[in-house]
Amino acid sequence: MPAIIFRFVLAVLAVWRLTHLLSKEDGPFDLVYHFRRRLGEGFFGRLLDCFYCLSIWIALPIALWLGIDWKEKVLYWLALSGAACLLEQGTTKNDPPKPPEYSED
């Protein structure tokens, strides 16, 4: 496997893991949970609630590190976030939606 593909796959896994940790998990000793609670309902608190939104920002520094010129950095940025979103879709259990509760009086 060429080194560039290995680095890309490794970067995708890193973006997915960090994004998943911050948006879906409580973390060790509930550190991430308390961090999210501290951020509250503001911009950053809502950002941590959305995997897709957060993956864009998590991918940015990694893309800046991996890319050589600005075009490559932008492509890495979008590709890393997109691949992390696809990985999230593939690993999330999709239960069928529950039918709405309806009762007649």
PDB file of N, CA and C in Angstrom:
ATOM      1  N   MET A   1       0.860  -1.179   0.000  1.00  0.00           N
ATOM      2  CA  MET A   1       0.000   0.000   0.000  1.00  0.00           C
ATOM      3  C   MET A   1       0.903   1.239   0.000  1.00  0.00           C
ATOM      4  N   PRO A   2       0.707   2.107  -0.956  1.00  0.00           N
ATOM      5  CA  PRO A   2       1.528   3.323  -0.983  1.00  0.00           C
ATOM      6  C   PRO A   2       1.345   4.150   0.298  1.00  0.00           C
ATOM      7  N   ALA A   3       2.391   4.857   0.647  1.00  0.00           N
ATOM      8  CA  ALA A   3       2.400   5.619   1.895  1.00  0.00           C
ATOM      9  C   ALA A   3       1.309   6.686   1.934  1.00  0.00           C
ATOM     10  N   ILE A   4       1.003   7.283   0.794  1.00  0.00           N
ATOM     11  CA  ILE A   4      -0.004   8.348   0.786  1.00  0.00           C
ATOM     12  C   ILE A   4      -1.396   7.802   1.123  1.00  0.00           C
ATOM     13  N   ILE A   5      -1.696   6.603   0.637  1.00  0.00           N
ATOM     14  CA  ILE A   5      -2.989   5.984   0.956  1.00  0.00           C
ATOM     15  C   ILE A   5      -3.029   5.610   2.429  1.00  0.00           C
ATOM     16  N   PHE A   6      -1.934   5.061   2.926  1.00  0.00           N
ATOM     17  CA  PHE A   6      -1.864   4.701   4.343  1.00  0.00           C
ATOM     18  C   PHE A   6      -2.060   5.929   5.229  1.00  0.00           C
ATOM     19  N   ARG A   7      -1.397   7.036   4.877  1.00  0.00           N
ATOM     20  CA  ARG A   7      -1.537   8.261   5.666  1.00  0.00           C
ATOM     21  C   ARG A   7      -2.974   8.782   5.626  1.00  0.00           C
ATOM     22  N   PHE A   8      -3.618   8.707   4.448  1.00  0.00           N
ATOM     23  CA  PHE A   8      -4.994   9.171   4.318  1.00  0.00           C
ATOM     24  C   PHE A   8      -5.934   8.321   5.169  1.00  0.00           C
ATOM     25  N   VAL A   9      -5.801   7.010   5.084  1.00  0.00           N
ATOM     26  CA  VAL A   9      -6.659   6.113   5.879  1.00  0.00           C
ATOM     27  C   VAL A   9      -6.426   6.354   7.368  1.00  0.00           C
ATOM     28  N   LEU A  10      -5.194   6.502   7.751  1.00  0.00           N
ATOM     29  CA  LEU A  10      -4.868   6.772   9.148  1.00  0.00           C
ATOM     30  C   LEU A  10      -5.472   8.103   9.608  1.00  0.00           C
ATOM     31  N   ALA A  11      -5.408   9.115   8.754  1.00  0.00           N
ATOM     32  CA  ALA A  11      -5.984  10.423   9.079  1.00  0.00           C
ATOM     33  C   ALA A  11      -7.505  10.349   9.178  1.00  0.00           C
ATOM     34  N   VAL A  12      -8.143   9.597   8.276  1.00  0.00           N
ATOM     35  CA  VAL A  12      -9.603   9.425   8.343  1.00  0.00           C
ATOM     36  C   VAL A  12      -9.995   8.782   9.665  1.00  0.00           C
ATOM     37  N   LEU A  13      -9.282   7.733  10.048  1.00  0.00           N
ATOM     38  CA  LEU A  13      -9.598   7.064  11.316  1.00  0.00           C
ATOM     39  C   LEU A  13      -9.391   8.000  12.505  1.00  0.00           C
ATOM     40  N   ALA A  14      -8.364   8.825  12.449  1.00  0.00           N
ATOM     41  CA  ALA A  14      -8.116   9.775  13.527  1.00  0.00           C
ATOM     42  C   ALA A  14      -9.221  10.827  13.599  1.00  0.00           C
ATOM     43  N   VAL A  15      -9.640  11.349  12.450  1.00  0.00           N
ATOM     44  CA  VAL A  15     -10.728  12.341  12.426  1.00  0.00           C
ATOM     45  C   VAL A  15     -12.006  11.709  12.952  1.00  0.00           C
ATOM     46  N   TRP A  16     -12.317  10.497  12.486  1.00  0.00           N
ATOM     47  CA  TRP A  16     -13.544   9.832  12.949  1.00  0.00           C
ATOM     48  C   TRP A  16     -13.498   9.594  14.453  1.00  0.00           C
ATOM     49  N   ARG A  17     -12.372   9.083  14.945  1.00  0.00           N
ATOM     50  CA  ARG A  17     -12.279   8.738  16.377  1.00  0.00           C
ATOM     51  C   ARG A  17     -12.414   9.962  17.256  1.00  0.00           C
ATOM     52  N   LEU A  18     -11.707  11.017  16.929  1.00  0.00           N
ATOM     53  CA  LEU A  18     -11.758  12.222  17.742  1.00  0.00           C
ATOM     54  C   LEU A  18     -13.142  12.872  17.666  1.00  0.00           C
ATOM     55  N   THR A  19     -13.733  12.905  16.477  1.00  0.00           N
ATOM     56  CA  THR A  19     -15.064  13.474  16.324  1.00  0.00           C
ATOM     57  C   THR A  19     -16.087  12.651  17.087  1.00  0.00           C
ATOM     58  N   HIS A  20     -15.986  11.340  16.997  1.00  0.00           N
ATOM     59  CA  HIS A  20     -16.921  10.463  17.712  1.00  0.00           C
ATOM     60  C   HIS A  20     -16.768  10.631  19.218  1.00  0.00           C
ATOM     61  N   LEU A  21     -15.545  10.706  19.689  1.00  0.00           N
ATOM     62  CA  LEU A  21     -15.300  10.894  21.116  1.00  0.00           C
ATOM     63  C   LEU A  21     -15.948  12.179  21.616  1.00  0.00           C
ATOM     64  N   LEU A  22     -15.740  13.265  20.896  1.00  0.00           N
ATOM     65  CA  LEU A  22     -16.249  14.561  21.359  1.00  0.00           C
ATOM     66  C   LEU A  22     -17.759  14.710  21.194  1.00  0.00           C
ATOM     67  N   SER A  23     -18.351  14.056  20.205  1.00  0.00           N
ATOM     68  CA  SER A  23     -19.779  14.285  19.951  1.00  0.00           C
ATOM     69  C   SER A  23     -20.693  13.204  20.517  1.00  0.00           C
ATOM     70  N   LYS A  24     -20.202  11.984  20.708  1.00  0.00           N
ATOM     71  CA  LYS A  24     -21.088  10.877  21.076  1.00  0.00           C
ATOM     72  C   LYS A  24     -20.757  10.195  22.397  1.00  0.00           C
ATOM     73  N   GLU A  25     -19.572  10.395  22.916  1.00  0.00           N
ATOM     74  CA  GLU A  25     -19.148   9.636  24.088  1.00  0.00           C
ATOM     75  C   GLU A  25     -18.971  10.549  25.296  1.00  0.00           C
ATOM     76  N   ASP A  26     -18.951   9.924  26.469  1.00  0.00           N
ATOM     77  CA  ASP A  26     -18.746  10.678  27.707  1.00  0.00           C
ATOM     78  C   ASP A  26     -17.272  10.800  28.057  1.00  0.00           C
ATOM     79  N   GLY A  27     -16.452   9.925  27.485  1.00  0.00           N
ATOM     80  CA  GLY A  27     -15.021   9.989  27.738  1.00  0.00           C
ATOM     81  C   GLY A  27     -14.641   9.355  29.050  1.00  0.00           C
ATOM     82  N   PRO A  28     -13.354   9.213  29.291  1.00  0.00           N
ATOM     83  CA  PRO A  28     -12.917   8.641  30.564  1.00  0.00           C
ATOM     84  C   PRO A  28     -13.244   9.593  31.717  1.00  0.00           C
ATOM     85  N   PHE A  29     -13.769   9.017  32.778  1.00  0.00           N
ATOM     86  CA  PHE A  29     -14.144   9.784  33.967  1.00  0.00           C
ATOM     87  C   PHE A  29     -15.145  10.891  33.647  1.00  0.00           C
ATOM     88  N   ASP A  30     -15.932  10.710  32.607  1.00  0.00           N
ATOM     89  CA  ASP A  30     -16.941  11.692  32.172  1.00  0.00           C
ATOM     90  C   ASP A  30     -16.344  13.058  31.840  1.00  0.00           C
ATOM     91  N   LEU A  31     -15.070  13.093  31.469  1.00  0.00           N
ATOM     92  CA  LEU A  31     -14.425  14.374  31.148  1.00  0.00           C
ATOM     93  C   LEU A  31     -15.058  15.055  29.942  1.00  0.00           C
ATOM     94  N   VAL A  32     -15.349  14.293  28.907  1.00  0.00           N
ATOM     95  CA  VAL A  32     -15.943  14.877  27.705  1.00  0.00           C
ATOM     96  C   VAL A  32     -17.367  15.324  27.987  1.00  0.00           C
ATOM     97  N   TYR A  33     -18.085  14.550  28.788  1.00  0.00           N
ATOM     98  CA  TYR A  33     -19.449  14.925  29.174  1.00  0.00           C
ATOM     99  C   TYR A  33     -19.450  16.271  29.898  1.00  0.00           C
ATOM    100  N   HIS A  34     -18.564  16.418  30.859  1.00  0.00           N
ATOM    101  CA  HIS A  34     -18.493  17.687  31.607  1.00  0.00           C
ATOM    102  C   HIS A  34     -18.036  18.840  30.705  1.00  0.00           C
ATOM    103  N   PHE A  35     -17.138  18.539  29.779  1.00  0.00           N
ATOM    104  CA  PHE A  35     -16.682  19.552  28.828  1.00  0.00           C
ATOM    105  C   PHE A  35     -17.848  20.045  27.978  1.00  0.00           C
ATOM    106  N   ARG A  36     -18.659  19.107  27.467  1.00  0.00           N
ATOM    107  CA  ARG A  36     -19.826  19.490  26.658  1.00  0.00           C
ATOM    108  C   ARG A  36     -20.824  20.285  27.493  1.00  0.00           C
ATOM    109  N   ARG A  37     -21.042  19.893  28.726  1.00  0.00           N
ATOM    110  CA  ARG A  37     -21.977  20.627  29.600  1.00  0.00           C
ATOM    111  C   ARG A  37     -21.490  22.037  29.862  1.00  0.00           C
ATOM    112  N   ARG A  38     -20.188  22.193  30.022  1.00  0.00           N
ATOM    113  CA  ARG A  38     -19.624  23.528  30.263  1.00  0.00           C
ATOM    114  C   ARG A  38     -19.823  24.466  29.096  1.00  0.00           C
ATOM    115  N   LEU A  39     -19.778  23.909  27.896  1.00  0.00           N
ATOM    116  CA  LEU A  39     -19.956  24.739  26.714  1.00  0.00           C
ATOM    117  C   LEU A  39     -21.405  25.178  26.542  1.00  0.00           C
ATOM    118  N   GLY A  40     -22.322  24.458  27.169  1.00  0.00           N
ATOM    119  CA  GLY A  40     -23.715  24.880  27.186  1.00  0.00           C
ATOM    120  C   GLY A  40     -24.398  24.839  25.838  1.00  0.00           C
ATOM    121  N   GLU A  41     -25.306  25.778  25.647  1.00  0.00           N
ATOM    122  CA  GLU A  41     -26.138  25.825  24.446  1.00  0.00           C
ATOM    123  C   GLU A  41     -25.636  26.842  23.417  1.00  0.00           C
ATOM    124  N   GLY A  42     -24.447  27.340  23.589  1.00  0.00           N
ATOM    125  CA  GLY A  42     -23.901  28.298  22.641  1.00  0.00           C
ATOM    126  C   GLY A  42     -23.415  27.616  21.370  1.00  0.00           C
ATOM    127  N   PHE A  43     -22.689  28.357  20.559  1.00  0.00           N
ATOM    128  CA  PHE A  43     -22.191  27.840  19.288  1.00  0.00           C
ATOM    129  C   PHE A  43     -21.365  26.577  19.482  1.00  0.00           C
ATOM    130  N   PHE A  44     -20.411  26.596  20.399  1.00  0.00           N
ATOM    131  CA  PHE A  44     -19.523  25.459  20.580  1.00  0.00           C
ATOM    132  C   PHE A  44     -20.242  24.269  21.201  1.00  0.00           C
ATOM    133  N   GLY A  45     -21.198  24.518  22.073  1.00  0.00           N
ATOM    134  CA  GLY A  45     -21.993  23.431  22.634  1.00  0.00           C
ATOM    135  C   GLY A  45     -22.816  22.731  21.574  1.00  0.00           C
ATOM    136  N   ARG A  46     -23.425  23.510  20.692  1.00  0.00           N
ATOM    137  CA  ARG A  46     -24.208  22.913  19.597  1.00  0.00           C
ATOM    138  C   ARG A  46     -23.303  22.230  18.584  1.00  0.00           C
ATOM    139  N   LEU A  47     -22.109  22.757  18.396  1.00  0.00           N
ATOM    140  CA  LEU A  47     -21.163  22.149  17.473  1.00  0.00           C
ATOM    141  C   LEU A  47     -20.813  20.733  17.918  1.00  0.00           C
ATOM    142  N   LEU A  48     -20.651  20.536  19.214  1.00  0.00           N
ATOM    143  CA  LEU A  48     -20.303  19.219  19.728  1.00  0.00           C
ATOM    144  C   LEU A  48     -21.473  18.240  19.661  1.00  0.00           C
ATOM    145  N   ASP A  49     -22.668  18.724  19.439  1.00  0.00           N
ATOM    146  CA  ASP A  49     -23.834  17.844  19.309  1.00  0.00           C
ATOM    147  C   ASP A  49     -23.979  17.282  17.902  1.00  0.00           C
ATOM    148  N   CYS A  50     -23.312  17.853  16.928  1.00  0.00           N
ATOM    149  CA  CYS A  50     -23.477  17.466  15.519  1.00  0.00           C
ATOM    150  C   CYS A  50     -22.190  16.818  15.006  1.00  0.00           C
ATOM    151  N   PHE A  51     -22.242  15.517  14.759  1.00  0.00           N
ATOM    152  CA  PHE A  51     -21.056  14.811  14.275  1.00  0.00           C
ATOM    153  C   PHE A  51     -20.547  15.413  12.973  1.00  0.00           C
ATOM    154  N   TYR A  52     -21.473  15.682  12.045  1.00  0.00           N
ATOM    155  CA  TYR A  52     -21.081  16.150  10.721  1.00  0.00           C
ATOM    156  C   TYR A  52     -20.444  17.537  10.785  1.00  0.00           C
ATOM    157  N   CYS A  53     -21.011  18.413  11.579  1.00  0.00           N
ATOM    158  CA  CYS A  53     -20.452  19.763  11.737  1.00  0.00           C
ATOM    159  C   CYS A  53     -19.067  19.699  12.392  1.00  0.00           C
ATOM    160  N   LEU A  54     -18.971  18.901  13.432  1.00  0.00           N
ATOM    161  CA  LEU A  54     -17.721  18.805  14.172  1.00  0.00           C
ATOM    162  C   LEU A  54     -16.614  18.177  13.333  1.00  0.00           C
ATOM    163  N   SER A  55     -16.970  17.213  12.477  1.00  0.00           N
ATOM    164  CA  SER A  55     -15.931  16.549  11.671  1.00  0.00           C
ATOM    165  C   SER A  55     -15.232  17.526  10.731  1.00  0.00           C
ATOM    166  N   ILE A  56     -15.940  18.541  10.285  1.00  0.00           N
ATOM    167  CA  ILE A  56     -15.315  19.549   9.420  1.00  0.00           C
ATOM    168  C   ILE A  56     -14.196  20.266  10.175  1.00  0.00           C
ATOM    169  N   TRP A  57     -14.462  20.621  11.420  1.00  0.00           N
ATOM    170  CA  TRP A  57     -13.478  21.369  12.200  1.00  0.00           C
ATOM    171  C   TRP A  57     -12.353  20.484  12.718  1.00  0.00           C
ATOM    172  N   ILE A  58     -12.651  19.225  12.990  1.00  0.00           N
ATOM    173  CA  ILE A  58     -11.605  18.294  13.424  1.00  0.00           C
ATOM    174  C   ILE A  58     -10.673  17.985  12.249  1.00  0.00           C
ATOM    175  N   ALA A  59     -11.229  17.887  11.045  1.00  0.00           N
ATOM    176  CA  ALA A  59     -10.427  17.552   9.862  1.00  0.00           C
ATOM    177  C   ALA A  59      -9.509  18.699   9.429  1.00  0.00           C
ATOM    178  N   LEU A  60      -9.878  19.917   9.746  1.00  0.00           N
ATOM    179  CA  LEU A  60      -9.117  21.073   9.258  1.00  0.00           C
ATOM    180  C   LEU A  60      -7.641  21.053   9.662  1.00  0.00           C
ATOM    181  N   PRO A  61      -7.285  20.928  10.946  1.00  0.00           N
ATOM    182  CA  PRO A  61      -5.845  20.951  11.267  1.00  0.00           C
ATOM    183  C   PRO A  61      -5.088  19.755  10.698  1.00  0.00           C
ATOM    184  N   ILE A  62      -5.752  18.620  10.594  1.00  0.00           N
ATOM    185  CA  ILE A  62      -5.081  17.445  10.027  1.00  0.00           C
ATOM    186  C   ILE A  62      -4.836  17.658   8.536  1.00  0.00           C
ATOM    187  N   ALA A  63      -5.804  18.250   7.847  1.00  0.00           N
ATOM    188  CA  ALA A  63      -5.637  18.536   6.416  1.00  0.00           C
ATOM    189  C   ALA A  63      -4.536  19.561   6.195  1.00  0.00           C
ATOM    190  N   LEU A  64      -4.465  20.564   7.054  1.00  0.00           N
ATOM    191  CA  LEU A  64      -3.401  21.559   6.932  1.00  0.00           C
ATOM    192  C   LEU A  64      -2.033  20.930   7.130  1.00  0.00           C
ATOM    193  N   TRP A  65      -1.965  19.932   7.974  1.00  0.00           N
ATOM    194  CA  TRP A  65      -0.711  19.242   8.245  1.00  0.00           C
ATOM    195  C   TRP A  65      -0.329  18.316   7.091  1.00  0.00           C
ATOM    196  N   LEU A  66      -1.325  17.636   6.485  1.00  0.00           N
ATOM    197  CA  LEU A  66      -1.036  16.655   5.438  1.00  0.00           C
ATOM    198  C   LEU A  66      -0.790  17.281   4.064  1.00  0.00           C
ATOM    199  N   GLY A  67      -1.552  18.324   3.741  1.00  0.00           N
ATOM    200  CA  GLY A  67      -1.474  18.899   2.400  1.00  0.00           C
ATOM    201  C   GLY A  67      -0.189  19.664   2.155  1.00  0.00           C
ATOM    202  N   ILE A  68       0.203  19.717   0.887  1.00  0.00           N
ATOM    203  CA  ILE A  68       1.429  20.425   0.511  1.00  0.00           C
ATOM    204  C   ILE A  68       1.119  21.854   0.086  1.00  0.00           C
ATOM    205  N   ASP A  69       0.217  22.010  -0.880  1.00  0.00           N
ATOM    206  CA  ASP A  69      -0.182  23.354  -1.300  1.00  0.00           C
ATOM    207  C   ASP A  69      -1.633  23.587  -0.896  1.00  0.00           C
ATOM    208  N   TRP A  70      -2.137  24.793  -1.136  1.00  0.00           N
ATOM    209  CA  TRP A  70      -3.470  25.121  -0.637  1.00  0.00           C
ATOM    210  C   TRP A  70      -4.561  24.278  -1.289  1.00  0.00           C
ATOM    211  N   LYS A  71      -4.398  23.905  -2.550  1.00  0.00           N
ATOM    212  CA  LYS A  71      -5.400  23.063  -3.224  1.00  0.00           C
ATOM    213  C   LYS A  71      -5.485  21.688  -2.570  1.00  0.00           C
ATOM    214  N   GLU A  72      -4.327  21.140  -2.286  1.00  0.00           N
ATOM    215  CA  GLU A  72      -4.292  19.819  -1.655  1.00  0.00           C
ATOM    216  C   GLU A  72      -4.842  19.878  -0.235  1.00  0.00           C
ATOM    217  N   LYS A  73      -4.557  20.962   0.468  1.00  0.00           N
ATOM    218  CA  LYS A  73      -5.079  21.125   1.826  1.00  0.00           C
ATOM    219  C   LYS A  73      -6.604  21.186   1.831  1.00  0.00           C
ATOM    220  N   VAL A  74      -7.195  21.902   0.867  1.00  0.00           N
ATOM    221  CA  VAL A  74      -8.655  21.985   0.775  1.00  0.00           C
ATOM    222  C   VAL A  74      -9.237  20.616   0.432  1.00  0.00           C
ATOM    223  N   LEU A  75      -8.612  19.910  -0.507  1.00  0.00           N
ATOM    224  CA  LEU A  75      -9.101  18.578  -0.877  1.00  0.00           C
ATOM    225  C   LEU A  75      -9.005  17.599   0.293  1.00  0.00           C
ATOM    226  N   TYR A  76      -7.896  17.627   1.011  1.00  0.00           N
ATOM    227  CA  TYR A  76      -7.761  16.780   2.198  1.00  0.00           C
ATOM    228  C   TYR A  76      -8.833  17.127   3.226  1.00  0.00           C
ATOM    229  N   TRP A  77      -9.056  18.406   3.428  1.00  0.00           N
ATOM    230  CA  TRP A  77     -10.027  18.860   4.418  1.00  0.00           C
ATOM    231  C   TRP A  77     -11.411  18.266   4.133  1.00  0.00           C
ATOM    232  N   LEU A  78     -11.867  18.443   2.913  1.00  0.00           N
ATOM    233  CA  LEU A  78     -13.197  17.942   2.549  1.00  0.00           C
ATOM    234  C   LEU A  78     -13.234  16.412   2.512  1.00  0.00           C
ATOM    235  N   ALA A  79     -12.178  15.805   2.005  1.00  0.00           N
ATOM    236  CA  ALA A  79     -12.143  14.340   1.906  1.00  0.00           C
ATOM    237  C   ALA A  79     -12.096  13.684   3.283  1.00  0.00           C
ATOM    238  N   LEU A  80     -11.318  14.237   4.201  1.00  0.00           N
ATOM    239  CA  LEU A  80     -11.238  13.660   5.540  1.00  0.00           C
ATOM    240  C   LEU A  80     -12.575  13.763   6.264  1.00  0.00           C
ATOM    241  N   SER A  81     -13.205  14.918   6.179  1.00  0.00           N
ATOM    242  CA  SER A  81     -14.505  15.081   6.812  1.00  0.00           C
ATOM    243  C   SER A  81     -15.548  14.174   6.168  1.00  0.00           C
ATOM    244  N   GLY A  82     -15.572  14.129   4.849  1.00  0.00           N
ATOM    245  CA  GLY A  82     -16.528  13.286   4.149  1.00  0.00           C
ATOM    246  C   GLY A  82     -16.341  11.813   4.457  1.00  0.00           C
ATOM    247  N   ALA A  83     -15.101  11.362   4.481  1.00  0.00           N
ATOM    248  CA  ALA A  83     -14.828   9.955   4.781  1.00  0.00           C
ATOM    249  C   ALA A  83     -15.205   9.627   6.228  1.00  0.00           C
ATOM    250  N   ALA A  84     -14.952  10.545   7.146  1.00  0.00           N
ATOM    251  CA  ALA A  84     -15.350  10.321   8.536  1.00  0.00           C
ATOM    252  C   ALA A  84     -16.873  10.237   8.656  1.00  0.00           C
ATOM    253  N   CYS A  85     -17.583  11.056   7.888  1.00  0.00           N
ATOM    254  CA  CYS A  85     -19.057  11.007   7.894  1.00  0.00           C
ATOM    255  C   CYS A  85     -19.554   9.683   7.323  1.00  0.00           C
ATOM    256  N   LEU A  86     -18.919   9.206   6.252  1.00  0.00           N
ATOM    257  CA  LEU A  86     -19.290   7.907   5.695  1.00  0.00           C
ATOM    258  C   LEU A  86     -19.016   6.785   6.683  1.00  0.00           C
ATOM    259  N   LEU A  87     -17.896   6.862   7.373  1.00  0.00           N
ATOM    260  CA  LEU A  87     -17.569   5.861   8.379  1.00  0.00           C
ATOM    261  C   LEU A  87     -18.575   5.901   9.523  1.00  0.00           C
ATOM    262  N   GLU A  88     -18.995   7.080   9.904  1.00  0.00           N
ATOM    263  CA  GLU A  88     -20.008   7.217  10.957  1.00  0.00           C
ATOM    264  C   GLU A  88     -21.331   6.594  10.505  1.00  0.00           C
ATOM    265  N   GLN A  89     -21.721   6.842   9.259  1.00  0.00           N
ATOM    266  CA  GLN A  89     -22.948   6.247   8.724  1.00  0.00           C
ATOM    267  C   GLN A  89     -22.854   4.723   8.720  1.00  0.00           C
ATOM    268  N   GLY A  90     -21.697   4.205   8.377  1.00  0.00           N
ATOM    269  CA  GLY A  90     -21.513   2.754   8.317  1.00  0.00           C
ATOM    270  C   GLY A  90     -21.446   2.080   9.665  1.00  0.00           C
ATOM    271  N   THR A  91     -21.078   2.821  10.706  1.00  0.00           N
ATOM    272  CA  THR A  91     -20.938   2.215  12.031  1.00  0.00           C
ATOM    273  C   THR A  91     -22.103   2.522  12.963  1.00  0.00           C
ATOM    274  N   THR A  92     -23.015   3.367  12.534  1.00  0.00           N
ATOM    275  CA  THR A  92     -24.153   3.721  13.376  1.00  0.00           C
ATOM    276  C   THR A  92     -25.279   2.735  13.137  1.00  0.00           C
ATOM    277  N   LYS A  93     -25.819   2.247  14.229  1.00  0.00           N
ATOM    278  CA  LYS A  93     -26.956   1.331  14.130  1.00  0.00           C
ATOM    279  C   LYS A  93     -28.182   2.137  13.740  1.00  0.00           C
ATOM    280  N   ASN A  94     -28.755   1.797  12.628  1.00  0.00           N
ATOM    281  CA  ASN A  94     -29.936   2.510  12.138  1.00  0.00           C
ATOM    282  C   ASN A  94     -31.185   1.697  12.427  1.00  0.00           C
ATOM    283  N   ASP A  95     -31.799   1.967  13.550  1.00  0.00           N
ATOM    284  CA  ASP A  95     -33.062   1.310  13.864  1.00  0.00           C
ATOM    285  C   ASP A  95     -34.168   1.935  13.034  1.00  0.00           C
ATOM    286  N   PRO A  96     -35.139   1.129  12.615  1.00  0.00           N
ATOM    287  CA  PRO A  96     -36.243   1.734  11.870  1.00  0.00           C
ATOM    288  C   PRO A  96     -36.981   2.734  12.757  1.00  0.00           C
ATOM    289  N   PRO A  97     -37.444   3.807  12.183  1.00  0.00           N
ATOM    290  CA  PRO A  97     -38.133   4.802  13.007  1.00  0.00           C
ATOM    291  C   PRO A  97     -39.402   4.229  13.619  1.00  0.00           C
ATOM    292  N   LYS A  98     -39.656   4.649  14.831  1.00  0.00           N
ATOM    293  CA  LYS A  98     -40.869   4.192  15.509  1.00  0.00           C
ATOM    294  C   LYS A  98     -42.065   4.916  14.909  1.00  0.00           C
ATOM    295  N   PRO A  99     -43.179   4.197  14.769  1.00  0.00           N
ATOM    296  CA  PRO A  99     -44.369   4.889  14.265  1.00  0.00           C
ATOM    297  C   PRO A  99     -44.839   5.917  15.285  1.00  0.00           C
ATOM    298  N   PRO A 100     -45.418   6.985  14.825  1.00  0.00           N
ATOM    299  CA  PRO A 100     -45.890   7.995  15.773  1.00  0.00           C
ATOM    300  C   PRO A 100     -46.998   7.428  16.652  1.00  0.00           C
ATOM    301  N   GLU A 101     -46.965   7.878  17.877  1.00  0.00           N
ATOM    302  CA  GLU A 101     -48.013   7.443  18.806  1.00  0.00           C
ATOM    303  C   GLU A 101     -49.276   8.228  18.508  1.00  0.00           C
ATOM    304  N   TYR A 102     -50.362   7.493  18.393  1.00  0.00           N
ATOM    305  CA  TYR A 102     -51.622   8.127  18.052  1.00  0.00           C
ATOM    306  C   TYR A 102     -52.720   7.437  18.835  1.00  0.00           C
ATOM    307  N   SER A 103     -53.532   8.204  19.446  1.00  0.00           N
ATOM    308  CA  SER A 103     -54.663   7.611  20.164  1.00  0.00           C
ATOM    309  C   SER A 103     -55.897   8.460  19.929  1.00  0.00           C
ATOM    310  N   GLU A 104     -56.996   7.776  19.798  1.00  0.00           N
ATOM    311  CA  GLU A 104     -58.264   8.477  19.627  1.00  0.00           C
ATOM    312  C   GLU A 104     -58.969   8.551  20.969  1.00  0.00           C
ATOM    313  N   ASP A 105     -59.570   9.668  21.213  1.00  0.00           N
ATOM    314  CA  ASP A 105     -60.305   9.834  22.471  1.00  0.00           C
ATOM    315  C   ASP A 105     -61.733   9.393  22.328  1.00  0.00           C
TER     316      ASP A 105
END
